[in-house]
Amino acid sequence: MFLAPARLAWLDALRGPAALAVTLHHAGWTFVPEIWAEVDRRIDVGTWGVFVFFLVSGYIIPASLERKGDLRAFWTGRAFRLLPLLLVACALLLGLALAGVLPVPKGLGDRPAALVVLGNVTMLQELLNLPAVINVTWTLSYEMAFYLMCVALFAVGRSHRSAGIAVALAVPAVPLGLLLPKSVIGGRADLLAASLGLAVVAAIAVTVLGRGAFRTAGAVAGGLLGLALVVLGSRGGTWQGVIILATMFAGTAVYRAEQGTISWRAAIAAVLVVLGCGLPAKDDPAWPPAIVLAFCTFWLAYLLRERTFPAWLPGLGVISFSVYLLHPILLHVLPNLPLYLLVLIPLSVLTYHVVEAPAQRLGRRLAARGPG
């Protein structure tokens, strides 16, 4: 199995347990609901996992973008990193649903098929209030909004403002959340959802294919669309959605401080502001301990980043995307928790080697060739 370079092993060491936490959260409610209810009322393990993912993305995505220094290469890399396995997993789930093995995803037949495809392929379905083929892909919608904003900031030379952006998102999230407790984009707004989804596609296309001012305009338009979608389209409410964005920029602030772009004082202040504004974002006693633990886990792993981790831990992180996307399918196919855990990891290793790794290699080759 391919492992990340030693300097990035701590990130993979975080991804693996985070993915397992989400899978155990869903498996607990599926196989042992009475026991898991006692766990879940104390700490939301799934929320811990996804917030660790958000912090990791915040740290590494801007670093990846700046290392490439090429917006086309960045979007090519993201597309070949995420879409191949996502499409395979969606096709597998739909095939099993048509065969009667799995239930049809909720609400899938209530909206136009082309619109559902647009939402899921762009990974914006959560923010466009469209049904998801795989329920856990709601997190990818926030990742996409973050990518759009990072690209916009890079295009206008403002990437280094991460700490300020984290604070500027977190503080207004509170009053905005009180004003907009639910998604403004309605569940029947087909034309609006299609227009916004196509606008994002167009912005990315201009960013990838355009030159000079046109490329910058496309990037900025994409960033503004990403922010607007989170503010107006977050199904959990604007407060939670904007705090997720702020969390990712808090992860970026840690990276900026490590690189010496900003002071550690500014980075730590940004992290504390995001945490303080995020704790009351959800009326659930299991939410605050999950958020605090996610930030503490990320910080502990960062402090240990120079240490050598057991090979299985970053190895689990390498296959974490497969673990994350495939586990909802296995929940409906396998009869008990031990068999579920026994099958999930080997299947994820297989899909990593058969789908993810070849697609990533192809993406790197295409990005390296340049526009020609």
Protein backbone atom coordinates (compact mmCIF):
# COMPACT_ATOMS: atom_id res chain seq x y z
CA MET A 1 0.00 0.00 0.00
CA PHE A 2 1.22 3.49 -0.85
CA LEU A 3 1.96 5.56 2.26
CA ALA A 4 2.25 9.32 2.52
CA PRO A 5 5.70 10.88 2.94
CA ALA A 6 6.86 10.87 6.57
CA ARG A 7 6.23 14.60 6.91
CA LEU A 8 2.54 14.02 6.07
CA ALA A 9 2.07 10.71 7.89
CA TRP A 10 0.45 12.47 10.83
CA LEU A 11 -2.38 13.62 8.54
CA ASP A 12 -3.05 10.09 7.33
CA ALA A 13 -2.82 8.93 10.95
CA LEU A 14 -5.74 11.30 11.63
CA ARG A 15 -7.79 10.38 8.55
CA GLY A 16 -7.93 6.67 9.33
CA PRO A 17 -9.44 6.89 12.83
CA ALA A 18 -11.75 9.70 11.66
CA ALA A 19 -13.16 7.50 8.90
CA LEU A 20 -13.54 4.58 11.31
CA ALA A 21 -15.34 6.82 13.79
CA VAL A 22 -17.96 7.72 11.17
CA THR A 23 -18.36 4.07 10.17
CA LEU A 24 -18.71 2.97 13.79
CA HIS A 25 -21.27 5.70 14.43
CA HIS A 26 -23.49 4.42 11.63
CA ALA A 27 -22.78 0.77 12.41
CA GLY A 28 -23.64 1.31 16.06
CA TRP A 29 -27.07 2.73 15.21
CA THR A 30 -27.61 -0.09 12.68
CA PHE A 31 -26.46 -3.16 14.62
CA VAL A 32 -26.52 -2.25 18.35
CA PRO A 33 -28.83 0.79 18.66
CA GLU A 34 -29.57 0.34 22.38
CA ILE A 35 -25.88 0.31 23.29
CA TRP A 36 -24.96 3.06 20.85
CA ALA A 37 -27.69 5.34 22.17
CA GLU A 38 -25.82 5.46 25.49
CA VAL A 39 -22.60 6.43 23.70
CA ASP A 40 -24.23 8.95 21.41
CA ARG A 41 -25.96 10.91 24.13
CA ARG A 42 -22.56 11.62 25.67
CA ILE A 43 -20.46 12.31 22.57
CA ASP A 44 -21.31 12.30 18.88
CA VAL A 45 -18.50 10.10 17.55
CA GLY A 46 -19.51 10.73 13.93
CA THR A 47 -19.26 14.50 14.41
CA TRP A 48 -15.80 14.03 15.96
CA GLY A 49 -14.73 12.13 12.85
CA VAL A 50 -16.01 14.60 10.28
CA PHE A 51 -14.56 17.61 12.11
CA VAL A 52 -11.17 15.92 12.20
CA PHE A 53 -11.54 15.51 8.42
CA PHE A 54 -12.43 19.19 8.05
CA LEU A 55 -9.38 20.29 10.04
CA VAL A 56 -7.13 18.01 8.01
CA SER A 57 -8.54 19.40 4.75
CA GLY A 58 -8.05 22.93 6.00
CA TYR A 59 -4.41 22.21 6.71
CA ILE A 60 -3.48 20.32 3.54
CA ILE A 61 -5.67 21.67 0.70
CA PRO A 62 -4.18 25.20 0.56
CA ALA A 63 -0.71 23.66 0.89
CA SER A 64 -1.44 21.39 -2.07
CA LEU A 65 -2.80 24.29 -4.12
CA GLU A 66 0.22 26.47 -3.45
CA ARG A 67 2.66 23.63 -4.07
CA LYS A 68 1.15 23.11 -7.51
CA GLY A 69 0.83 26.85 -8.13
CA ASP A 70 -1.56 26.03 -10.98
CA LEU A 71 -5.33 26.25 -10.69
CA ARG A 72 -5.87 23.85 -13.59
CA ALA A 73 -3.61 21.26 -11.99
CA PHE A 74 -5.38 21.69 -8.66
CA TRP A 75 -8.87 21.09 -10.08
CA THR A 76 -7.60 18.20 -12.19
CA GLY A 77 -6.07 16.61 -9.11
CA ARG A 78 -9.23 17.07 -7.05
CA ALA A 79 -11.43 15.63 -9.81
CA PHE A 80 -9.30 12.50 -10.21
CA ARG A 81 -8.93 12.16 -6.46
CA LEU A 82 -12.64 12.21 -5.63
CA LEU A 83 -14.86 11.52 -8.63
CA PRO A 84 -13.75 8.03 -9.79
CA LEU A 85 -14.48 6.29 -6.49
CA LEU A 86 -17.57 8.44 -5.90
CA LEU A 87 -19.02 7.40 -9.28
CA VAL A 88 -18.16 3.73 -8.69
CA ALA A 89 -19.73 3.76 -5.22
CA CYS A 90 -22.87 5.52 -6.47
CA ALA A 91 -23.21 3.07 -9.37
CA LEU A 92 -22.79 0.14 -6.98
CA LEU A 93 -25.40 1.47 -4.57
CA LEU A 94 -27.92 2.22 -7.34
CA GLY A 95 -27.36 -1.18 -8.91
CA LEU A 96 -28.00 -2.93 -5.61
CA ALA A 97 -31.06 -0.75 -5.03
CA LEU A 98 -32.49 -1.66 -8.45
CA ALA A 99 -31.85 -5.32 -7.64
CA GLY A 100 -33.82 -4.96 -4.42
CA VAL A 101 -30.84 -5.61 -2.17
CA LEU A 102 -30.72 -2.05 -0.80
CA PRO A 103 -33.46 0.50 -0.16
CA VAL A 104 -33.66 3.30 -2.74
CA PRO A 105 -32.00 6.42 -1.27
CA LYS A 106 -34.52 8.73 0.35
CA GLY A 107 -36.09 11.30 -1.97
CA LEU A 108 -34.16 10.15 -5.03
CA GLY A 109 -37.23 9.92 -7.23
CA ASP A 110 -38.76 13.19 -6.05
CA ARG A 111 -36.56 15.51 -8.12
CA PRO A 112 -35.61 15.48 -11.85
CA ALA A 113 -33.00 12.80 -12.54
CA ALA A 114 -30.68 15.18 -14.42
CA LEU A 115 -30.74 17.60 -11.49
CA VAL A 116 -29.94 14.84 -8.99
CA VAL A 117 -27.03 13.76 -11.20
CA LEU A 118 -25.76 17.34 -11.41
CA GLY A 119 -25.89 17.75 -7.64
CA ASN A 120 -24.15 14.48 -6.85
CA VAL A 121 -21.47 14.72 -9.56
CA THR A 122 -20.58 18.29 -8.53
CA MET A 123 -20.75 17.08 -4.89
CA LEU A 124 -22.93 20.09 -4.05
CA GLN A 125 -26.16 18.17 -3.43
CA GLU A 126 -26.23 19.01 0.28
CA LEU A 127 -26.04 22.76 -0.36
CA LEU A 128 -28.53 22.62 -3.25
CA ASN A 129 -31.07 20.72 -1.12
CA LEU A 130 -30.96 17.73 -3.46
CA PRO A 131 -31.12 14.06 -2.44
CA ALA A 132 -27.78 12.30 -2.06
CA VAL A 133 -27.16 8.91 -3.60
CA ILE A 134 -24.81 8.12 -0.67
CA ASN A 135 -25.89 9.84 2.53
CA VAL A 136 -22.40 10.53 3.92
CA THR A 137 -21.42 12.65 0.91
CA TRP A 138 -22.93 15.72 2.61
CA THR A 139 -19.42 16.47 3.90
CA LEU A 140 -18.09 16.65 0.33
CA SER A 141 -20.41 19.59 -0.34
CA TYR A 142 -18.61 21.62 2.33
CA GLU A 143 -15.26 20.44 1.02
CA MET A 144 -16.23 21.70 -2.43
CA ALA A 145 -17.26 25.10 -1.04
CA PHE A 146 -13.89 25.28 0.73
CA TYR A 147 -12.02 24.39 -2.48
CA LEU A 148 -13.88 27.14 -4.34
CA MET A 149 -12.99 29.71 -1.69
CA CYS A 150 -9.35 28.61 -1.51
CA VAL A 151 -9.00 28.89 -5.29
CA ALA A 152 -10.55 32.38 -5.23
CA LEU A 153 -8.18 33.54 -2.48
CA PHE A 154 -5.19 32.08 -4.30
CA ALA A 155 -6.21 33.78 -7.56
CA VAL A 156 -6.32 37.22 -5.92
CA GLY A 157 -3.24 36.71 -3.76
CA ARG A 158 -5.05 36.62 -0.40
CA SER A 159 -4.36 33.01 0.65
CA HIS A 160 -2.31 34.14 3.65
CA ARG A 161 -5.38 35.72 5.32
CA SER A 162 -6.52 32.37 6.74
CA ALA A 163 -6.70 33.35 10.41
CA GLY A 164 -8.67 36.49 9.68
CA ILE A 165 -11.02 34.62 7.37
CA ALA A 166 -11.66 31.95 10.01
CA VAL A 167 -12.64 34.65 12.51
CA ALA A 168 -14.63 36.60 9.91
CA LEU A 169 -16.66 33.47 9.22
CA ALA A 170 -17.06 32.24 12.80
CA VAL A 171 -18.25 35.44 14.46
CA PRO A 172 -21.08 36.29 11.99
CA ALA A 173 -22.09 32.62 11.95
CA VAL A 174 -23.87 33.15 15.28
CA PRO A 175 -26.29 35.95 14.28
CA LEU A 176 -26.63 34.54 10.77
CA GLY A 177 -27.54 31.18 12.24
CA LEU A 178 -30.23 32.75 14.39
CA LEU A 179 -31.65 34.56 11.36
CA LEU A 180 -31.36 31.56 8.99
CA PRO A 181 -31.96 28.42 11.07
CA LYS A 182 -32.88 26.41 7.96
CA SER A 183 -31.82 26.23 4.33
CA VAL A 184 -33.12 29.09 2.20
CA ILE A 185 -32.87 26.93 -0.93
CA GLY A 186 -36.12 24.98 -0.85
CA GLY A 187 -36.51 21.29 -1.49
CA ARG A 188 -38.58 21.99 -4.62
CA ALA A 189 -36.55 24.83 -6.11
CA ASP A 190 -35.45 22.89 -9.17
CA LEU A 191 -34.62 25.88 -11.36
CA LEU A 192 -32.65 27.63 -8.62
CA ALA A 193 -30.70 24.46 -7.78
CA ALA A 194 -29.91 23.82 -11.45
CA SER A 195 -28.84 27.43 -12.02
CA LEU A 196 -26.52 27.46 -9.01
CA GLY A 197 -25.03 24.05 -9.82
CA LEU A 198 -24.36 25.00 -13.44
CA ALA A 199 -22.93 28.35 -12.33
CA VAL A 200 -20.37 26.53 -10.17
CA VAL A 201 -19.49 24.24 -13.09
CA ALA A 202 -19.06 27.28 -15.34
CA ALA A 203 -16.87 29.07 -12.79
CA ILE A 204 -14.59 26.05 -12.48
CA ALA A 205 -14.45 25.64 -16.28
CA VAL A 206 -13.42 29.28 -16.72
CA THR A 207 -10.82 28.90 -13.96
CA VAL A 208 -9.37 25.80 -15.63
CA LEU A 209 -9.54 26.91 -19.26
CA GLY A 210 -9.37 30.70 -19.05
CA ARG A 211 -6.39 33.01 -19.02
CA GLY A 212 -5.47 36.16 -17.14
CA ALA A 213 -8.39 38.26 -15.98
CA PHE A 214 -10.95 35.69 -17.18
CA ARG A 215 -9.37 32.99 -15.04
CA THR A 216 -9.29 35.29 -12.01
CA ALA A 217 -12.92 36.29 -12.57
CA GLY A 218 -13.94 32.63 -12.78
CA ALA A 219 -12.08 31.81 -9.59
CA VAL A 220 -13.59 34.74 -7.68
CA ALA A 221 -17.08 33.90 -8.92
CA GLY A 222 -16.60 30.32 -7.77
CA GLY A 223 -15.46 31.45 -4.33
CA LEU A 224 -18.44 33.75 -3.89
CA LEU A 225 -20.79 30.97 -5.03
CA GLY A 226 -19.22 28.54 -2.57
CA LEU A 227 -19.69 30.95 0.33
CA ALA A 228 -23.25 31.82 -0.74
CA LEU A 229 -24.22 28.17 -0.99
CA VAL A 230 -23.01 27.48 2.54
CA VAL A 231 -24.81 30.53 3.95
CA LEU A 232 -28.07 29.90 2.10
CA GLY A 233 -28.08 26.15 1.51
CA SER A 234 -26.82 24.45 4.67
CA ARG A 235 -29.53 21.98 5.63
CA GLY A 236 -28.36 21.93 9.23
CA GLY A 237 -28.70 25.72 9.38
CA THR A 238 -26.36 28.57 8.51
CA TRP A 239 -24.65 28.51 11.91
CA GLN A 240 -23.44 24.93 11.55
CA GLY A 241 -22.56 25.33 7.87
CA VAL A 242 -20.47 28.46 8.29
CA ILE A 243 -18.73 27.00 11.36
CA ILE A 244 -17.67 24.04 9.21
CA LEU A 245 -16.07 26.47 6.74
CA ALA A 246 -14.47 28.40 9.59
CA THR A 247 -13.10 25.13 11.00
CA MET A 248 -11.34 24.38 7.73
CA PHE A 249 -9.81 27.86 7.65
CA ALA A 250 -8.72 27.32 11.25
CA GLY A 251 -6.81 24.26 10.04
CA THR A 252 -5.27 26.46 7.34
CA ALA A 253 -4.22 28.99 9.98
CA VAL A 254 -2.20 26.27 11.72
CA TYR A 255 -0.43 25.56 8.42
CA ARG A 256 0.24 29.30 7.92
CA ALA A 257 1.75 29.59 11.38
CA GLU A 258 3.93 26.53 10.79
CA GLN A 259 5.21 28.11 7.56
CA GLY A 260 5.86 31.43 9.32
CA THR A 261 3.33 33.34 7.21
CA ILE A 262 1.37 34.40 10.30
CA SER A 263 2.17 34.35 14.00
CA TRP A 264 1.25 31.46 16.22
CA ARG A 265 -0.64 33.93 18.39
CA ALA A 266 -2.92 34.80 15.46
CA ALA A 267 -3.43 31.16 14.53
CA ILE A 268 -4.27 30.07 18.08
CA ALA A 269 -6.62 33.04 18.52
CA ALA A 270 -8.43 32.07 15.31
CA VAL A 271 -8.77 28.45 16.44
CA LEU A 272 -10.18 29.52 19.83
CA VAL A 273 -12.68 31.94 18.25
CA VAL A 274 -13.93 29.24 15.85
CA LEU A 275 -14.22 26.76 18.70
CA GLY A 276 -16.03 29.25 20.93
CA CYS A 277 -18.53 30.21 18.23
CA GLY A 278 -19.01 26.59 17.15
CA LEU A 279 -19.80 24.93 20.46
CA PRO A 280 -23.39 26.26 20.71
CA ALA A 281 -24.09 25.83 16.97
CA LYS A 282 -26.20 22.72 17.53
CA ASP A 283 -28.74 22.07 20.27
CA ASP A 284 -27.37 18.66 21.15
CA PRO A 285 -25.40 17.85 24.34
CA ALA A 286 -23.24 15.39 22.38
CA TRP A 287 -22.09 18.11 19.93
CA PRO A 288 -19.74 20.28 22.12
CA PRO A 289 -17.60 17.41 23.46
CA ALA A 290 -17.24 16.03 19.92
CA ILE A 291 -16.05 19.40 18.57
CA VAL A 292 -13.63 20.00 21.44
CA LEU A 293 -12.22 16.48 21.11
CA ALA A 294 -11.77 16.93 17.34
CA PHE A 295 -9.74 20.13 17.79
CA CYS A 296 -7.70 18.56 20.61
CA THR A 297 -7.04 15.43 18.55
CA PHE A 298 -5.85 17.50 15.60
CA TRP A 299 -3.58 19.57 17.85
CA LEU A 300 -2.11 16.48 19.54
CA ALA A 301 -1.37 14.84 16.18
CA TYR A 302 0.25 18.09 15.01
CA LEU A 303 2.52 18.13 18.07
CA LEU A 304 3.50 14.52 17.32
CA ARG A 305 4.03 15.11 13.59
CA GLU A 306 7.77 14.42 13.79
CA ARG A 307 7.23 11.05 15.46
CA THR A 308 7.07 7.72 13.64
CA PHE A 309 3.58 6.25 13.56
CA PRO A 310 2.82 2.52 13.35
CA ALA A 311 2.59 1.71 9.63
CA TRP A 312 -1.01 0.50 9.88
CA LEU A 313 -2.22 3.88 11.13
CA PRO A 314 -1.22 6.08 8.16
CA GLY A 315 -2.02 3.06 5.97
CA LEU A 316 -5.59 3.20 7.23
CA GLY A 317 -5.60 6.90 6.37
CA VAL A 318 -4.62 6.16 2.79
CA ILE A 319 -7.76 4.03 2.29
CA SER A 320 -9.98 6.31 4.41
CA PHE A 321 -11.95 7.67 1.43
CA SER A 322 -12.89 4.15 0.40
CA VAL A 323 -13.82 3.32 3.98
CA TYR A 324 -15.96 6.45 4.16
CA LEU A 325 -17.85 5.93 0.89
CA LEU A 326 -18.32 2.17 1.01
CA HIS A 327 -19.45 1.66 4.58
CA PRO A 328 -23.07 2.86 4.06
CA ILE A 329 -23.46 0.22 1.36
CA LEU A 330 -22.12 -2.58 3.55
CA LEU A 331 -24.44 -1.61 6.40
CA HIS A 332 -27.39 -2.87 4.33
CA VAL A 333 -25.64 -5.91 2.88
CA LEU A 334 -24.00 -7.54 5.91
CA PRO A 335 -26.00 -9.03 8.79
CA ASN A 336 -23.89 -8.19 11.86
CA LEU A 337 -21.18 -5.90 13.23
CA PRO A 338 -18.22 -8.37 13.31
CA LEU A 339 -18.71 -9.37 9.66
CA TYR A 340 -19.16 -5.71 8.70
CA LEU A 341 -15.82 -4.77 10.27
CA LEU A 342 -14.16 -7.86 8.80
CA VAL A 343 -15.21 -7.01 5.22
CA LEU A 344 -14.92 -3.20 5.24
CA ILE A 345 -11.13 -2.83 5.45
CA PRO A 346 -10.15 -5.48 2.83
CA LEU A 347 -12.79 -4.13 0.43
CA SER A 348 -11.45 -0.60 0.93
CA VAL A 349 -7.90 -1.77 0.23
CA LEU A 350 -9.15 -3.38 -2.98
CA THR A 351 -11.01 -0.29 -4.19
CA TYR A 352 -8.04 1.92 -3.32
CA HIS A 353 -5.73 -0.15 -5.52
CA VAL A 354 -8.23 -0.77 -8.32
CA VAL A 355 -9.98 2.62 -8.48
CA GLU A 356 -8.38 5.35 -6.41
CA ALA A 357 -4.65 4.88 -7.01
CA PRO A 358 -4.85 4.46 -10.82
CA ALA A 359 -7.17 7.48 -11.10
CA GLN A 360 -4.81 9.61 -9.03
CA ARG A 361 -1.85 8.59 -11.20
CA LEU A 362 -3.81 9.47 -14.32
CA GLY A 363 -4.78 12.82 -12.83
CA ARG A 364 -1.15 13.63 -12.05
CA ARG A 365 -0.10 12.77 -15.59
CA LEU A 366 -2.83 14.91 -17.14
CA ALA A 367 -2.03 17.84 -14.83
CA ALA A 368 1.66 17.60 -15.69
CA ARG A 369 1.00 17.77 -19.44
CA GLY A 370 -0.32 21.31 -19.28
CA PRO A 371 -3.19 22.80 -21.30
CA GLY A 372 -1.98 21.18 -24.53
